[in-house]
Amino acid sequence: MGIARRVGFSAGVSDIPLYQPVHQPVLLREAVEQLAVRSGWVCVDATAGEGGHSLALLQASAPSGRVLGIDRDPRSLARAERRLSQFGDRFIPAQGNYADLGQLAQGANIVQVDGVLLDVGLSSWQLEAAGAGFSFQRDEPLDMRFDPINTWPDAAELVNQLSEDELGKLLFQYGEEPRARTIARALVQARQASPVRTTGQLVKLLEAIPGLGRGRRTHPATRTFQALRIAVNDELTNLEAGIKAAIDLLKPAGRLVVISYHSLEDRLVKQTLAYQAASCVCPAEIPVCVCNHQATVRIINRRIIRPAPAEVAANPRSRSARMRVAEKL
């Protein structure tokens, strides 16, 4: 993995059309307000995407503030760099995993920062762009890797190589799919005849399972696709590591804002921040503290912050967003 590597416009990245729709950043006003951005601040947009949040952070920290924009997807980061070119070296693009935030900051000669934003959802561009396999609305290779250059197993490899039991556990754990075992059984039976290599094949298999998705507002493939994407990119492990790395990088009184989109993510964010905010983590049955744990943050909002009705009406994909905020002690 390249640490703090400026993305160039080589083949496969430079040919991304600029006219494609720009992703609408979720909870934009709330993110800037909760980070309490001021002129001259140094902030991290740890999931820069197409640069929507970074743009707002650069404007709020003008004229001299800087933003380290991190993304695993070189295609998204290239779009952000182009969009924010007007800010010159105030925007520092870095391709990588926010779990490696400390190393990425060090590579950009940044020792401490005033704020960190983690928006852990997929961008609209990633869902709608052809070839990545994130969407069940097109027939394309079943990939789902955020960084297509890396060689870790893609979604097709998981679907075709995991045992029925392993697939069932994956779908239940990461997709919270109540019919995980039924789906796993159907996938194993189907791949015996022919490997499942495309999103279209997977969707047809899922749609053929009687009653799958009944009573839900979402497509019957939604939870399966979510589970595979999380597993392929090891998202939950990276999220926990990213929160801890962000806290380490923050100055005292610096703030961390995390925006998540489903219960698995939000539960992990809540639990990780609660642990970091606790002055003691000893089991309840121990009468005297022996853990010597020191709180590193204080929780700013006990109740999660959600998009206003006007934002949901303008951007329906924002409806599941949940924001949590913590301040470094």
Protein backbone atom coordinates (compact mmCIF):
# COMPACT_ATOMS: atom_id res chain seq x y z
CA MET A 1 0.00 0.00 0.00
CA GLY A 2 1.35 3.42 -0.93
CA ILE A 3 1.55 5.72 2.08
CA ALA A 4 0.43 9.31 1.38
CA ARG A 5 0.89 8.72 -2.35
CA ARG A 6 -0.34 11.52 -4.59
CA VAL A 7 -2.57 9.98 -7.21
CA GLY A 8 -1.47 10.51 -10.78
CA PHE A 9 -3.63 10.46 -13.85
CA SER A 10 -2.35 7.29 -15.48
CA ALA A 11 -4.39 4.89 -17.55
CA GLY A 12 -7.44 3.67 -15.68
CA VAL A 13 -7.59 6.79 -13.50
CA SER A 14 -7.04 9.78 -15.79
CA ASP A 15 -9.77 8.65 -18.18
CA ILE A 16 -12.54 8.97 -15.57
CA PRO A 17 -15.08 11.35 -17.13
CA LEU A 18 -15.50 14.63 -15.27
CA TYR A 19 -19.11 15.01 -16.30
CA GLN A 20 -20.34 12.14 -14.16
CA PRO A 21 -22.73 13.15 -11.34
CA VAL A 22 -21.07 14.37 -8.15
CA HIS A 23 -21.88 12.54 -4.93
CA GLN A 24 -23.98 14.50 -2.43
CA PRO A 25 -22.11 14.53 0.90
CA VAL A 26 -24.34 13.47 3.78
CA LEU A 27 -24.83 15.59 6.93
CA LEU A 28 -22.49 18.20 5.44
CA ARG A 29 -23.54 21.19 7.56
CA GLU A 30 -23.66 19.07 10.70
CA ALA A 31 -20.17 17.65 10.05
CA VAL A 32 -18.58 21.09 9.74
CA GLU A 33 -20.47 22.36 12.79
CA GLN A 34 -19.59 19.38 14.98
CA LEU A 35 -15.93 19.51 13.97
CA ALA A 36 -16.03 23.22 14.92
CA VAL A 37 -13.67 24.00 12.05
CA ARG A 38 -11.76 27.29 12.27
CA SER A 39 -9.41 29.22 10.01
CA GLY A 40 -6.01 27.59 9.73
CA TRP A 41 -7.07 24.19 11.08
CA VAL A 42 -5.63 20.94 9.80
CA CYS A 43 -8.32 18.29 9.26
CA VAL A 44 -8.53 14.78 7.89
CA ASP A 45 -11.29 13.63 5.57
CA ALA A 46 -10.51 9.96 6.05
CA THR A 47 -13.05 8.85 3.44
CA ALA A 48 -12.62 11.62 0.90
CA GLY A 49 -14.65 10.02 -1.88
CA GLU A 50 -15.25 12.72 -4.49
CA GLY A 51 -14.28 15.51 -2.11
CA GLY A 52 -17.66 16.87 -1.00
CA HIS A 53 -16.85 17.01 2.69
CA SER A 54 -13.26 18.05 1.94
CA LEU A 55 -14.55 21.02 -0.04
CA ALA A 56 -16.59 22.24 2.92
CA LEU A 57 -13.66 21.71 5.32
CA LEU A 58 -11.32 23.67 3.04
CA GLN A 59 -13.80 26.52 2.82
CA ALA A 60 -14.36 26.58 6.58
CA SER A 61 -10.63 26.54 7.36
CA ALA A 62 -9.70 29.23 4.79
CA PRO A 63 -7.40 30.86 4.02
CA SER A 64 -4.61 28.60 5.28
CA GLY A 65 -6.22 25.43 6.64
CA ARG A 66 -5.31 22.10 5.12
CA VAL A 67 -7.20 18.85 4.54
CA LEU A 68 -5.60 15.43 4.25
CA GLY A 69 -8.00 13.53 1.99
CA ILE A 70 -7.73 9.74 2.23
CA ASP A 71 -9.49 7.11 0.15
CA ARG A 72 -8.86 3.46 -0.68
CA ASP A 73 -10.36 3.86 -4.14
CA PRO A 74 -7.87 5.57 -6.51
CA ARG A 75 -10.70 6.37 -8.93
CA SER A 76 -12.65 8.35 -6.33
CA LEU A 77 -9.53 10.09 -5.06
CA ALA A 78 -8.58 11.20 -8.58
CA ARG A 79 -12.02 12.77 -8.95
CA ALA A 80 -11.61 14.57 -5.61
CA GLU A 81 -8.17 15.87 -6.55
CA ARG A 82 -9.49 17.29 -9.79
CA ARG A 83 -12.50 18.83 -8.11
CA LEU A 84 -10.35 20.50 -5.42
CA SER A 85 -7.47 21.60 -7.64
CA GLN A 86 -8.41 25.26 -6.99
CA PHE A 87 -7.13 24.87 -3.41
CA GLY A 88 -3.62 23.93 -4.51
CA ASP A 89 -1.53 22.25 -1.82
CA ARG A 90 -4.15 22.93 0.85
CA PHE A 91 -5.71 19.63 -0.23
CA ILE A 92 -3.36 16.70 0.31
CA PRO A 93 -4.59 13.51 -1.42
CA ALA A 94 -3.44 10.16 -0.06
CA GLN A 95 -4.51 6.75 -1.31
CA GLY A 96 -4.76 4.24 1.47
CA ASN A 97 -6.77 2.72 4.26
CA TYR A 98 -7.87 4.98 7.13
CA ALA A 99 -6.84 2.19 9.48
CA ASP A 100 -3.31 3.36 8.57
CA LEU A 101 -4.15 6.97 9.37
CA GLY A 102 -1.06 7.53 11.51
CA GLN A 103 1.29 6.40 8.73
CA LEU A 104 -0.60 8.36 6.08
CA ALA A 105 -0.41 11.53 8.18
CA GLN A 106 3.28 10.97 8.84
CA GLY A 107 3.88 10.56 5.11
CA ALA A 108 2.24 13.97 4.60
CA ASN A 109 4.41 15.52 7.35
CA ILE A 110 1.42 15.95 9.66
CA VAL A 111 2.00 15.27 13.36
CA GLN A 112 -1.37 16.24 14.87
CA VAL A 113 -4.70 17.43 13.52
CA ASP A 114 -7.64 19.49 14.75
CA GLY A 115 -10.39 17.27 13.37
CA VAL A 116 -11.07 13.93 11.70
CA LEU A 117 -14.13 13.00 9.67
CA LEU A 118 -15.03 9.38 8.89
CA ASP A 119 -17.97 8.96 6.51
CA VAL A 120 -17.98 5.20 6.08
CA GLY A 121 -20.67 4.86 3.45
CA LEU A 122 -20.28 4.15 -0.27
CA SER A 123 -20.48 7.15 -2.57
CA SER A 124 -23.19 7.40 -5.22
CA TRP A 125 -20.45 7.29 -7.85
CA GLN A 126 -19.12 3.97 -6.55
CA LEU A 127 -22.60 2.48 -6.64
CA GLU A 128 -23.38 3.79 -10.10
CA ALA A 129 -19.99 3.42 -11.80
CA ALA A 130 -19.64 0.36 -14.00
CA GLY A 131 -17.18 -2.41 -13.27
CA ALA A 132 -16.82 -2.40 -9.47
CA GLY A 133 -19.65 -4.86 -8.76
CA PHE A 134 -21.16 -2.90 -5.86
CA SER A 135 -24.60 -2.55 -7.45
CA PHE A 136 -27.18 -5.25 -8.06
CA GLN A 137 -28.81 -3.14 -10.77
CA ARG A 138 -26.30 -4.10 -13.49
CA ASP A 139 -24.68 -7.32 -14.63
CA GLU A 140 -20.91 -6.96 -14.14
CA PRO A 141 -18.02 -8.83 -12.51
CA LEU A 142 -18.68 -9.70 -8.87
CA ASP A 143 -15.73 -7.75 -7.45
CA MET A 144 -16.58 -5.23 -4.65
CA ARG A 145 -12.97 -4.30 -3.81
CA PHE A 146 -12.57 -0.60 -2.96
CA ASP A 147 -9.06 -0.70 -4.39
CA PRO A 148 -9.16 -2.81 -7.56
CA ILE A 149 -5.35 -2.76 -7.83
CA ASN A 150 -4.95 -4.94 -4.75
CA THR A 151 -5.08 -8.70 -5.05
CA TRP A 152 -7.04 -9.71 -1.96
CA PRO A 153 -10.04 -12.04 -2.59
CA ASP A 154 -12.98 -10.41 -4.34
CA ALA A 155 -16.66 -11.20 -3.80
CA ALA A 156 -16.72 -13.88 -6.49
CA GLU A 157 -13.94 -15.79 -4.74
CA LEU A 158 -15.85 -15.72 -1.45
CA VAL A 159 -19.09 -16.89 -3.08
CA ASN A 160 -17.40 -19.72 -4.95
CA GLN A 161 -14.84 -20.92 -2.41
CA LEU A 162 -16.31 -20.59 1.09
CA SER A 163 -18.12 -23.58 2.56
CA GLU A 164 -21.88 -23.46 3.07
CA ASP A 165 -21.37 -22.94 6.79
CA GLU A 166 -18.83 -20.14 6.24
CA LEU A 167 -21.09 -18.41 3.75
CA GLY A 168 -24.05 -18.64 6.10
CA LYS A 169 -22.09 -17.10 8.96
CA LEU A 170 -20.76 -14.33 6.73
CA LEU A 171 -24.24 -13.38 5.48
CA PHE A 172 -25.71 -13.45 8.97
CA GLN A 173 -22.88 -11.56 10.66
CA TYR A 174 -22.26 -8.84 8.09
CA GLY A 175 -25.65 -8.63 6.39
CA GLU A 176 -27.89 -9.43 9.36
CA GLU A 177 -29.71 -11.64 6.89
CA PRO A 178 -32.24 -13.88 8.71
CA ARG A 179 -32.28 -16.36 5.83
CA ALA A 180 -28.52 -16.60 5.60
CA ARG A 181 -28.41 -20.40 5.69
CA THR A 182 -31.02 -20.72 2.94
CA ILE A 183 -29.05 -18.33 0.73
CA ALA A 184 -25.75 -20.10 1.46
CA ARG A 185 -27.29 -23.45 0.54
CA ALA A 186 -28.65 -22.04 -2.73
CA LEU A 187 -25.29 -20.51 -3.66
CA VAL A 188 -23.37 -23.72 -3.00
CA GLN A 189 -25.85 -25.75 -5.07
CA ALA A 190 -25.72 -23.24 -7.93
CA ARG A 191 -21.94 -23.02 -8.10
CA GLN A 192 -21.65 -26.80 -8.45
CA ALA A 193 -23.17 -26.41 -11.90
CA SER A 194 -21.43 -23.14 -12.81
CA PRO A 195 -19.34 -20.62 -10.84
CA VAL A 196 -21.12 -17.42 -9.80
CA ARG A 197 -18.99 -14.74 -11.45
CA THR A 198 -21.27 -11.74 -12.00
CA THR A 199 -23.68 -9.57 -10.05
CA GLY A 200 -26.43 -10.54 -12.47
CA GLN A 201 -25.99 -14.25 -11.73
CA LEU A 202 -26.07 -13.59 -8.00
CA VAL A 203 -29.18 -11.42 -8.20
CA LYS A 204 -31.05 -14.05 -10.25
CA LEU A 205 -30.17 -16.73 -7.69
CA LEU A 206 -31.40 -14.54 -4.83
CA GLU A 207 -34.60 -13.53 -6.60
CA ALA A 208 -35.36 -17.22 -7.19
CA ILE A 209 -35.43 -17.97 -3.44
CA PRO A 210 -39.14 -18.01 -2.44
CA GLY A 211 -40.12 -15.21 -0.08
CA LEU A 212 -36.64 -13.68 0.23
CA GLY A 213 -37.01 -10.01 1.10
CA ARG A 214 -40.74 -10.25 1.72
CA GLY A 215 -41.91 -7.43 3.97
CA ARG A 216 -38.78 -5.32 3.39
CA ARG A 217 -38.54 -1.95 1.70
CA THR A 218 -35.24 -2.92 0.08
CA HIS A 219 -34.33 -5.28 -2.75
CA PRO A 220 -33.89 -8.93 -1.65
CA ALA A 221 -30.23 -8.77 -2.68
CA THR A 222 -29.40 -5.74 -0.49
CA ARG A 223 -28.24 -7.59 2.63
CA THR A 224 -26.23 -10.18 0.71
CA PHE A 225 -24.40 -7.49 -1.26
CA GLN A 226 -23.74 -5.56 1.95
CA ALA A 227 -22.34 -8.64 3.67
CA LEU A 228 -20.02 -9.51 0.78
CA ARG A 229 -18.76 -5.92 0.46
CA ILE A 230 -18.00 -5.68 4.19
CA ALA A 231 -16.20 -9.02 4.15
CA VAL A 232 -14.18 -8.30 0.99
CA ASN A 233 -12.91 -4.97 2.34
CA ASP A 234 -12.69 -6.01 6.02
CA GLU A 235 -14.68 -2.88 6.80
CA LEU A 236 -15.53 -3.43 10.46
CA THR A 237 -11.97 -4.27 11.49
CA ASN A 238 -10.73 -1.22 9.61
CA LEU A 239 -13.40 1.00 11.16
CA GLU A 240 -12.38 0.13 14.71
CA ALA A 241 -8.69 0.59 13.86
CA GLY A 242 -9.47 3.87 12.08
CA ILE A 243 -11.30 5.32 15.09
CA LYS A 244 -8.39 4.49 17.38
CA ALA A 245 -5.87 5.90 14.90
CA ALA A 246 -7.92 9.09 14.58
CA ILE A 247 -8.01 9.59 18.35
CA ASP A 248 -4.24 9.12 18.54
CA LEU A 249 -3.72 11.75 15.82
CA LEU A 250 -6.03 14.40 17.30
CA LYS A 251 -4.78 17.35 19.32
CA PRO A 252 -6.36 17.89 22.77
CA ALA A 253 -9.87 19.31 22.19
CA GLY A 254 -9.74 18.06 18.59
CA ARG A 255 -12.89 16.35 17.39
CA LEU A 256 -13.77 13.11 15.66
CA VAL A 257 -16.98 12.85 13.64
CA VAL A 258 -18.13 9.43 12.38
CA ILE A 259 -21.04 8.95 9.97
CA SER A 260 -22.29 5.37 9.58
CA TYR A 261 -25.17 3.85 7.65
CA HIS A 262 -26.31 0.58 9.18
CA SER A 263 -26.62 -0.95 12.62
CA LEU A 264 -23.41 -3.02 12.44
CA GLU A 265 -21.30 0.07 11.80
CA ASP A 266 -23.14 2.29 14.27
CA ARG A 267 -22.97 -0.32 17.03
CA LEU A 268 -19.22 -0.66 16.53
CA VAL A 269 -18.73 3.12 16.55
CA LYS A 270 -20.82 3.49 19.71
CA GLN A 271 -19.00 0.70 21.55
CA THR A 272 -15.52 1.85 20.48
CA LEU A 273 -16.15 5.45 21.51
CA ALA A 274 -17.73 4.35 24.79
CA TYR A 275 -14.63 2.27 25.59
CA GLN A 276 -12.34 5.18 24.74
CA ALA A 277 -14.44 7.52 26.93
CA ALA A 278 -14.50 5.21 29.97
CA SER A 279 -12.23 5.85 32.95
CA CYS A 280 -12.57 2.22 34.00
CA VAL A 281 -13.29 -0.88 31.94
CA CYS A 282 -13.13 -3.47 34.72
CA PRO A 283 -15.93 -6.08 34.87
CA ALA A 284 -18.84 -5.01 37.08
CA GLU A 285 -18.14 -7.77 39.61
CA ILE A 286 -14.70 -6.31 40.47
CA PRO A 287 -15.24 -3.85 43.38
CA VAL A 288 -12.00 -1.88 42.90
CA CYS A 289 -10.57 -0.68 39.60
CA VAL A 290 -7.47 -2.61 38.56
CA CYS A 291 -7.45 -1.87 34.82
CA ASN A 292 -5.67 1.50 34.95
CA HIS A 293 -7.58 2.44 31.82
CA GLN A 294 -7.52 6.16 31.01
CA ALA A 295 -10.27 7.89 29.05
CA THR A 296 -8.99 9.49 25.84
CA VAL A 297 -12.19 11.21 24.65
CA ARG A 298 -15.49 12.57 25.85
CA ILE A 299 -18.71 11.86 23.99
CA ILE A 300 -20.25 15.04 22.57
CA ASN A 301 -23.65 13.73 21.49
CA ARG A 302 -25.34 11.01 23.53
CA ARG A 303 -28.13 10.89 20.96
CA ILE A 304 -27.16 10.20 17.37
CA ILE A 305 -27.48 13.01 14.85
CA ARG A 306 -29.61 12.20 11.81
CA PRO A 307 -30.28 14.06 8.55
CA ALA A 308 -33.07 16.62 8.61
CA PRO A 309 -36.24 15.75 6.66
CA ALA A 310 -35.28 18.27 3.96
CA GLU A 311 -31.97 16.47 3.35
CA VAL A 312 -33.65 13.07 3.17
CA ALA A 313 -36.16 14.45 0.68
CA ALA A 314 -33.36 15.86 -1.48
CA ASN A 315 -31.09 12.81 -1.07
CA PRO A 316 -33.01 9.64 -0.11
CA ARG A 317 -29.74 7.69 0.33
CA SER A 318 -29.02 9.83 3.39
CA ARG A 319 -32.01 8.46 5.33
CA SER A 320 -30.01 5.79 7.19
CA ALA A 321 -27.08 8.06 8.14
CA ARG A 322 -26.13 8.32 11.83
CA MET A 323 -23.52 10.69 13.22
CA ARG A 324 -21.54 10.32 16.45
CA VAL A 325 -19.05 12.86 17.78
CA ALA A 326 -16.22 12.68 20.31
CA GLU A 327 -13.64 15.18 21.58
CA LYS A 328 -10.03 14.35 22.48
CA LEU A 329 -9.19 14.90 26.15
